[in-house]
């Protein structure tokens, strides 16, 4: 909140000077129902206007690419060999199993999150034990093929590698790829 184009460019220049292998550049979004949304006051500290946010995005791309970072995902830049392996699991639709309060997992076509409060988490673990569930989430239905295809398209198009339609046809069938 309150960020100017000049301040943003200074932050970018400082980031480049620090020479990290990876830089993430996310546009702040105020999501309803979050603690930040309850705290945030648009009048007191406004977010950049849409044209300023677009200019800041372009400045990030120009500055970071000129410094040798590849723009490999909508909001991520990396030096060669330093793409985030962790995030690429999400963007490629691969499976992941997460632990802890509120952690989200994706296993065998099932997306699920763990409870966010400790009391609810403890109760959830107890219920799983009582039911003899060894791998949480496996009792849930798999997402539909249509949902899996839509997620794949949306997530793969976030990356500069894009969506390989030959791979898509092998994964989902030639008819789905032709749609």
C-alpha atoms as a PDB file:
ATOM      1  CA  UNK A   1       0.000   0.000   0.000  1.00  0.00           C
ATOM      2  CA  UNK A   2       1.195   3.496  -0.880  1.00  0.00           C
ATOM      3  CA  UNK A   3       3.935   2.225  -3.196  1.00  0.00           C
ATOM      4  CA  UNK A   4       5.044   4.567  -5.998  1.00  0.00           C
ATOM      5  CA  UNK A   5       6.682   3.646  -9.297  1.00  0.00           C
ATOM      6  CA  UNK A   6       9.916   5.238  -8.105  1.00  0.00           C
ATOM      7  CA  UNK A   7       9.921   3.252  -4.855  1.00  0.00           C
ATOM      8  CA  UNK A   8       9.217   0.090  -6.814  1.00  0.00           C
ATOM      9  CA  UNK A   9      12.123   0.725  -9.199  1.00  0.00           C
ATOM     10  CA  UNK A  10      14.395   1.332  -6.205  1.00  0.00           C
ATOM     11  CA  UNK A  11      13.271  -2.009  -4.718  1.00  0.00           C
ATOM     12  CA  UNK A  12      13.971  -3.760  -8.019  1.00  0.00           C
ATOM     13  CA  UNK A  13      17.422  -2.172  -8.248  1.00  0.00           C
ATOM     14  CA  UNK A  14      18.192  -3.257  -4.680  1.00  0.00           C
ATOM     15  CA  UNK A  15      17.015  -6.784  -5.418  1.00  0.00           C
ATOM     16  CA  UNK A  16      19.261  -7.003  -8.487  1.00  0.00           C
ATOM     17  CA  UNK A  17      22.201  -5.619  -6.497  1.00  0.00           C
ATOM     18  CA  UNK A  18      21.715  -8.355  -3.884  1.00  0.00           C
ATOM     19  CA  UNK A  19      22.137 -10.961  -6.692  1.00  0.00           C
ATOM     20  CA  UNK A  20      19.655 -13.604  -5.489  1.00  0.00           C
ATOM     21  CA  UNK A  21      19.136 -16.613  -7.726  1.00  0.00           C
ATOM     22  CA  UNK A  22      15.355 -16.208  -7.706  1.00  0.00           C
ATOM     23  CA  UNK A  23      12.930 -13.268  -7.440  1.00  0.00           C
ATOM     24  CA  UNK A  24       9.141 -13.466  -7.013  1.00  0.00           C
ATOM     25  CA  UNK A  25       7.099 -10.402  -7.941  1.00  0.00           C
ATOM     26  CA  UNK A  26       3.475 -10.745  -6.882  1.00  0.00           C
ATOM     27  CA  UNK A  27       0.879  -7.972  -7.123  1.00  0.00           C
ATOM     28  CA  UNK A  28      -0.748  -7.486  -3.725  1.00  0.00           C
ATOM     29  CA  UNK A  29      -4.409  -8.462  -3.757  1.00  0.00           C
ATOM     30  CA  UNK A  30      -6.804  -7.757  -0.906  1.00  0.00           C
ATOM     31  CA  UNK A  31      -8.884 -10.921  -0.445  1.00  0.00           C
ATOM     32  CA  UNK A  32     -12.157 -10.572   1.424  1.00  0.00           C
ATOM     33  CA  UNK A  33     -12.391 -12.516   4.678  1.00  0.00           C
ATOM     34  CA  UNK A  34      -8.645 -12.429   5.354  1.00  0.00           C
ATOM     35  CA  UNK A  35      -6.983 -10.753   8.333  1.00  0.00           C
ATOM     36  CA  UNK A  36      -5.271  -8.326   5.913  1.00  0.00           C
ATOM     37  CA  UNK A  37      -8.622  -7.303   4.414  1.00  0.00           C
ATOM     38  CA  UNK A  38      -9.900  -6.516   7.925  1.00  0.00           C
ATOM     39  CA  UNK A  39      -6.772  -4.474   8.685  1.00  0.00           C
ATOM     40  CA  UNK A  40      -6.388  -2.730   5.346  1.00  0.00           C
ATOM     41  CA  UNK A  41      -7.851   0.726   4.772  1.00  0.00           C
ATOM     42  CA  UNK A  42      -7.858   1.746   1.109  1.00  0.00           C
ATOM     43  CA  UNK A  43      -8.157   5.435   1.941  1.00  0.00           C
ATOM     44  CA  UNK A  44      -5.235   5.411   4.387  1.00  0.00           C
ATOM     45  CA  UNK A  45      -2.830   3.426   2.205  1.00  0.00           C
ATOM     46  CA  UNK A  46      -4.157   2.881  -1.300  1.00  0.00           C
ATOM     47  CA  UNK A  47      -2.896   0.154  -3.565  1.00  0.00           C
ATOM     48  CA  UNK A  48      -1.386   1.368  -6.843  1.00  0.00           C
ATOM     49  CA  UNK A  49      -3.870   2.295  -9.565  1.00  0.00           C
ATOM     50  CA  UNK A  50      -4.259  -0.272 -12.332  1.00  0.00           C
ATOM     51  CA  UNK A  51      -2.065   1.675 -14.792  1.00  0.00           C
ATOM     52  CA  UNK A  52       0.644   2.089 -12.146  1.00  0.00           C
ATOM     53  CA  UNK A  53       0.480  -1.616 -11.252  1.00  0.00           C
ATOM     54  CA  UNK A  54       0.837  -2.518 -14.952  1.00  0.00           C
ATOM     55  CA  UNK A  55       3.824  -0.160 -15.288  1.00  0.00           C
ATOM     56  CA  UNK A  56       5.421  -1.704 -12.181  1.00  0.00           C
ATOM     57  CA  UNK A  57       4.927  -5.180 -13.631  1.00  0.00           C
ATOM     58  CA  UNK A  58       6.592  -4.066 -16.881  1.00  0.00           C
ATOM     59  CA  UNK A  59       9.436  -2.434 -14.927  1.00  0.00           C
ATOM     60  CA  UNK A  60      10.022  -5.671 -13.035  1.00  0.00           C
ATOM     61  CA  UNK A  61      10.151  -7.648 -16.266  1.00  0.00           C
ATOM     62  CA  UNK A  62      12.499  -5.168 -17.955  1.00  0.00           C
ATOM     63  CA  UNK A  63      14.811  -4.748 -14.958  1.00  0.00           C
ATOM     64  CA  UNK A  64      15.068  -8.399 -14.012  1.00  0.00           C
ATOM     65  CA  UNK A  65      15.437  -9.731 -17.567  1.00  0.00           C
ATOM     66  CA  UNK A  66      18.152  -7.125 -18.256  1.00  0.00           C
ATOM     67  CA  UNK A  67      19.969  -8.421 -15.147  1.00  0.00           C
ATOM     68  CA  UNK A  68      19.965 -12.009 -16.464  1.00  0.00           C
ATOM     69  CA  UNK A  69      16.832 -13.400 -14.846  1.00  0.00           C
ATOM     70  CA  UNK A  70      14.527 -15.528 -16.963  1.00  0.00           C
ATOM     71  CA  UNK A  71      10.829 -14.617 -16.677  1.00  0.00           C
ATOM     72  CA  UNK A  72       9.665 -18.219 -16.384  1.00  0.00           C
ATOM     73  CA  UNK A  73       6.274 -17.763 -14.700  1.00  0.00           C
ATOM     74  CA  UNK A  74       3.791 -14.892 -14.500  1.00  0.00           C
ATOM     75  CA  UNK A  75       5.278 -13.650 -11.214  1.00  0.00           C
ATOM     76  CA  UNK A  76       8.655 -15.374 -11.028  1.00  0.00           C
ATOM     77  CA  UNK A  77      12.163 -14.773 -12.372  1.00  0.00           C
ATOM     78  CA  UNK A  78      15.265 -16.898 -11.957  1.00  0.00           C
ATOM     79  CA  UNK A  79      18.851 -17.151 -13.026  1.00  0.00           C
ATOM     80  CA  UNK A  80      19.527 -20.182 -15.234  1.00  0.00           C
ATOM     81  CA  UNK A  81      19.125 -23.402 -13.252  1.00  0.00           C
ATOM     82  CA  UNK A  82      17.305 -21.761 -10.347  1.00  0.00           C
ATOM     83  CA  UNK A  83      13.605 -22.022 -11.116  1.00  0.00           C
ATOM     84  CA  UNK A  84      11.523 -22.831  -8.036  1.00  0.00           C
ATOM     85  CA  UNK A  85      11.149 -26.609  -8.065  1.00  0.00           C
ATOM     86  CA  UNK A  86       8.594 -26.313  -5.261  1.00  0.00           C
ATOM     87  CA  UNK A  87       6.209 -24.035  -7.164  1.00  0.00           C
ATOM     88  CA  UNK A  88       6.654 -25.870 -10.450  1.00  0.00           C
ATOM     89  CA  UNK A  89       5.024 -28.881  -8.799  1.00  0.00           C
ATOM     90  CA  UNK A  90       1.826 -26.790  -8.500  1.00  0.00           C
ATOM     91  CA  UNK A  91       2.026 -25.250 -11.965  1.00  0.00           C
ATOM     92  CA  UNK A  92       2.611 -28.617 -13.627  1.00  0.00           C
ATOM     93  CA  UNK A  93      -0.273 -30.252 -11.753  1.00  0.00           C
ATOM     94  CA  UNK A  94       1.986 -32.745 -10.015  1.00  0.00           C
ATOM     95  CA  UNK A  95       1.079 -34.356  -6.694  1.00  0.00           C
ATOM     96  CA  UNK A  96       2.092 -32.806  -3.380  1.00  0.00           C
ATOM     97  CA  UNK A  97       1.400 -33.665   0.214  1.00  0.00           C
ATOM     98  CA  UNK A  98       1.541 -30.875   2.773  1.00  0.00           C
ATOM     99  CA  UNK A  99       1.501 -30.898   6.568  1.00  0.00           C
ATOM    100  CA  UNK A 100       0.445 -28.412   9.220  1.00  0.00           C
ATOM    101  CA  UNK A 101      -2.420 -26.054   9.928  1.00  0.00           C
ATOM    102  CA  UNK A 102      -4.269 -25.051   6.757  1.00  0.00           C
ATOM    103  CA  UNK A 103      -1.819 -26.901   4.492  1.00  0.00           C
ATOM    104  CA  UNK A 104      -3.223 -27.904   1.095  1.00  0.00           C
ATOM    105  CA  UNK A 105      -2.436 -31.170  -0.676  1.00  0.00           C
ATOM    106  CA  UNK A 106      -3.108 -32.659  -4.101  1.00  0.00           C
ATOM    107  CA  UNK A 107      -3.000 -36.454  -4.286  1.00  0.00           C
ATOM    108  CA  UNK A 108      -4.302 -38.762  -6.995  1.00  0.00           C
ATOM    109  CA  UNK A 109      -6.671 -36.102  -8.339  1.00  0.00           C
ATOM    110  CA  UNK A 110      -7.933 -35.019  -4.922  1.00  0.00           C
ATOM    111  CA  UNK A 111      -7.425 -31.517  -3.507  1.00  0.00           C
ATOM    112  CA  UNK A 112      -7.884 -30.986   0.200  1.00  0.00           C
ATOM    113  CA  UNK A 113      -6.767 -28.708   3.007  1.00  0.00           C
ATOM    114  CA  UNK A 114      -6.117 -29.451   6.621  1.00  0.00           C
ATOM    115  CA  UNK A 115      -8.014 -27.541   9.337  1.00  0.00           C
ATOM    116  CA  UNK A 116      -6.658 -24.071  10.093  1.00  0.00           C
ATOM    117  CA  UNK A 117      -6.975 -23.995  13.898  1.00  0.00           C
ATOM    118  CA  UNK A 118      -5.054 -26.255  16.281  1.00  0.00           C
ATOM    119  CA  UNK A 119      -8.231 -27.420  18.034  1.00  0.00           C
ATOM    120  CA  UNK A 120      -9.892 -28.369  14.738  1.00  0.00           C
ATOM    121  CA  UNK A 121      -6.665 -29.994  13.505  1.00  0.00           C
ATOM    122  CA  UNK A 122      -6.365 -32.127  16.641  1.00  0.00           C
ATOM    123  CA  UNK A 123      -9.992 -33.190  16.314  1.00  0.00           C
ATOM    124  CA  UNK A 124      -9.471 -33.986  12.600  1.00  0.00           C
ATOM    125  CA  UNK A 125      -6.415 -36.170  13.313  1.00  0.00           C
ATOM    126  CA  UNK A 126      -8.354 -38.006  16.043  1.00  0.00           C
ATOM    127  CA  UNK A 127     -11.260 -38.655  13.675  1.00  0.00           C
ATOM    128  CA  UNK A 128      -8.897 -39.990  10.994  1.00  0.00           C
ATOM    129  CA  UNK A 129      -7.303 -42.354  13.511  1.00  0.00           C
ATOM    130  CA  UNK A 130     -10.694 -43.543  14.713  1.00  0.00           C
ATOM    131  CA  UNK A 131     -11.739 -44.250  11.109  1.00  0.00           C
ATOM    132  CA  UNK A 132      -8.471 -46.048  10.354  1.00  0.00           C
ATOM    133  CA  UNK A 133      -7.563 -43.578   7.599  1.00  0.00           C
ATOM    134  CA  UNK A 134      -3.852 -43.837   6.862  1.00  0.00           C
ATOM    135  CA  UNK A 135      -3.634 -41.235   4.067  1.00  0.00           C
ATOM    136  CA  UNK A 136      -5.940 -38.228   4.561  1.00  0.00           C
ATOM    137  CA  UNK A 137      -7.801 -37.115   1.473  1.00  0.00           C
ATOM    138  CA  UNK A 138      -8.081 -40.532  -0.169  1.00  0.00           C
ATOM    139  CA  UNK A 139     -11.680 -40.776   1.040  1.00  0.00           C
ATOM    140  CA  UNK A 140     -12.585 -37.746  -1.102  1.00  0.00           C
ATOM    141  CA  UNK A 141     -13.799 -38.057  -4.690  1.00  0.00           C
ATOM    142  CA  UNK A 142     -11.309 -37.393  -7.460  1.00  0.00           C
ATOM    143  CA  UNK A 143     -11.749 -34.172  -9.403  1.00  0.00           C
ATOM    144  CA  UNK A 144     -13.451 -34.613 -12.748  1.00  0.00           C
ATOM    145  CA  UNK A 145     -11.468 -35.026 -15.958  1.00  0.00           C
ATOM    146  CA  UNK A 146     -12.905 -31.694 -17.137  1.00  0.00           C
ATOM    147  CA  UNK A 147     -11.691 -29.929 -13.969  1.00  0.00           C
ATOM    148  CA  UNK A 148      -8.289 -31.552 -14.300  1.00  0.00           C
ATOM    149  CA  UNK A 149      -8.022 -30.359 -17.915  1.00  0.00           C
ATOM    150  CA  UNK A 150      -9.074 -26.807 -17.051  1.00  0.00           C
ATOM    151  CA  UNK A 151      -6.623 -26.667 -14.130  1.00  0.00           C
ATOM    152  CA  UNK A 152      -3.867 -27.986 -16.383  1.00  0.00           C
ATOM    153  CA  UNK A 153      -4.488 -25.337 -19.050  1.00  0.00           C
ATOM    154  CA  UNK A 154      -4.720 -22.503 -16.514  1.00  0.00           C
ATOM    155  CA  UNK A 155      -1.642 -23.538 -14.550  1.00  0.00           C
ATOM    156  CA  UNK A 156       0.582 -24.413 -17.531  1.00  0.00           C
ATOM    157  CA  UNK A 157      -0.213 -21.097 -19.216  1.00  0.00           C
ATOM    158  CA  UNK A 158       1.230 -19.306 -16.175  1.00  0.00           C
ATOM    159  CA  UNK A 159       4.662 -20.538 -17.243  1.00  0.00           C
ATOM    160  CA  UNK A 160       6.785 -19.340 -20.146  1.00  0.00           C
ATOM    161  CA  UNK A 161       7.105 -22.997 -21.207  1.00  0.00           C
ATOM    162  CA  UNK A 162       3.387 -22.863 -21.927  1.00  0.00           C
ATOM    163  CA  UNK A 163       1.207 -25.850 -22.677  1.00  0.00           C
ATOM    164  CA  UNK A 164       2.634 -28.563 -24.905  1.00  0.00           C
ATOM    165  CA  UNK A 165      -0.386 -29.687 -26.909  1.00  0.00           C
ATOM    166  CA  UNK A 166       1.247 -33.008 -27.873  1.00  0.00           C
ATOM    167  CA  UNK A 167       1.671 -33.785 -24.166  1.00  0.00           C
ATOM    168  CA  UNK A 168      -1.902 -32.573 -23.508  1.00  0.00           C
ATOM    169  CA  UNK A 169      -3.237 -34.922 -26.210  1.00  0.00           C
ATOM    170  CA  UNK A 170      -1.326 -37.859 -24.705  1.00  0.00           C
ATOM    171  CA  UNK A 171      -2.583 -36.985 -21.204  1.00  0.00           C
ATOM    172  CA  UNK A 172      -6.225 -36.196 -22.032  1.00  0.00           C
ATOM    173  CA  UNK A 173      -6.790 -37.561 -25.536  1.00  0.00           C
ATOM    174  CA  UNK A 174      -6.691 -36.088 -29.018  1.00  0.00           C
ATOM    175  CA  UNK A 175     -10.358 -35.055 -28.885  1.00  0.00           C
ATOM    176  CA  UNK A 176      -9.794 -32.986 -25.734  1.00  0.00           C
ATOM    177  CA  UNK A 177      -6.727 -31.350 -27.277  1.00  0.00           C
ATOM    178  CA  UNK A 178      -8.703 -30.444 -30.404  1.00  0.00           C
ATOM    179  CA  UNK A 179     -11.389 -28.568 -28.421  1.00  0.00           C
END
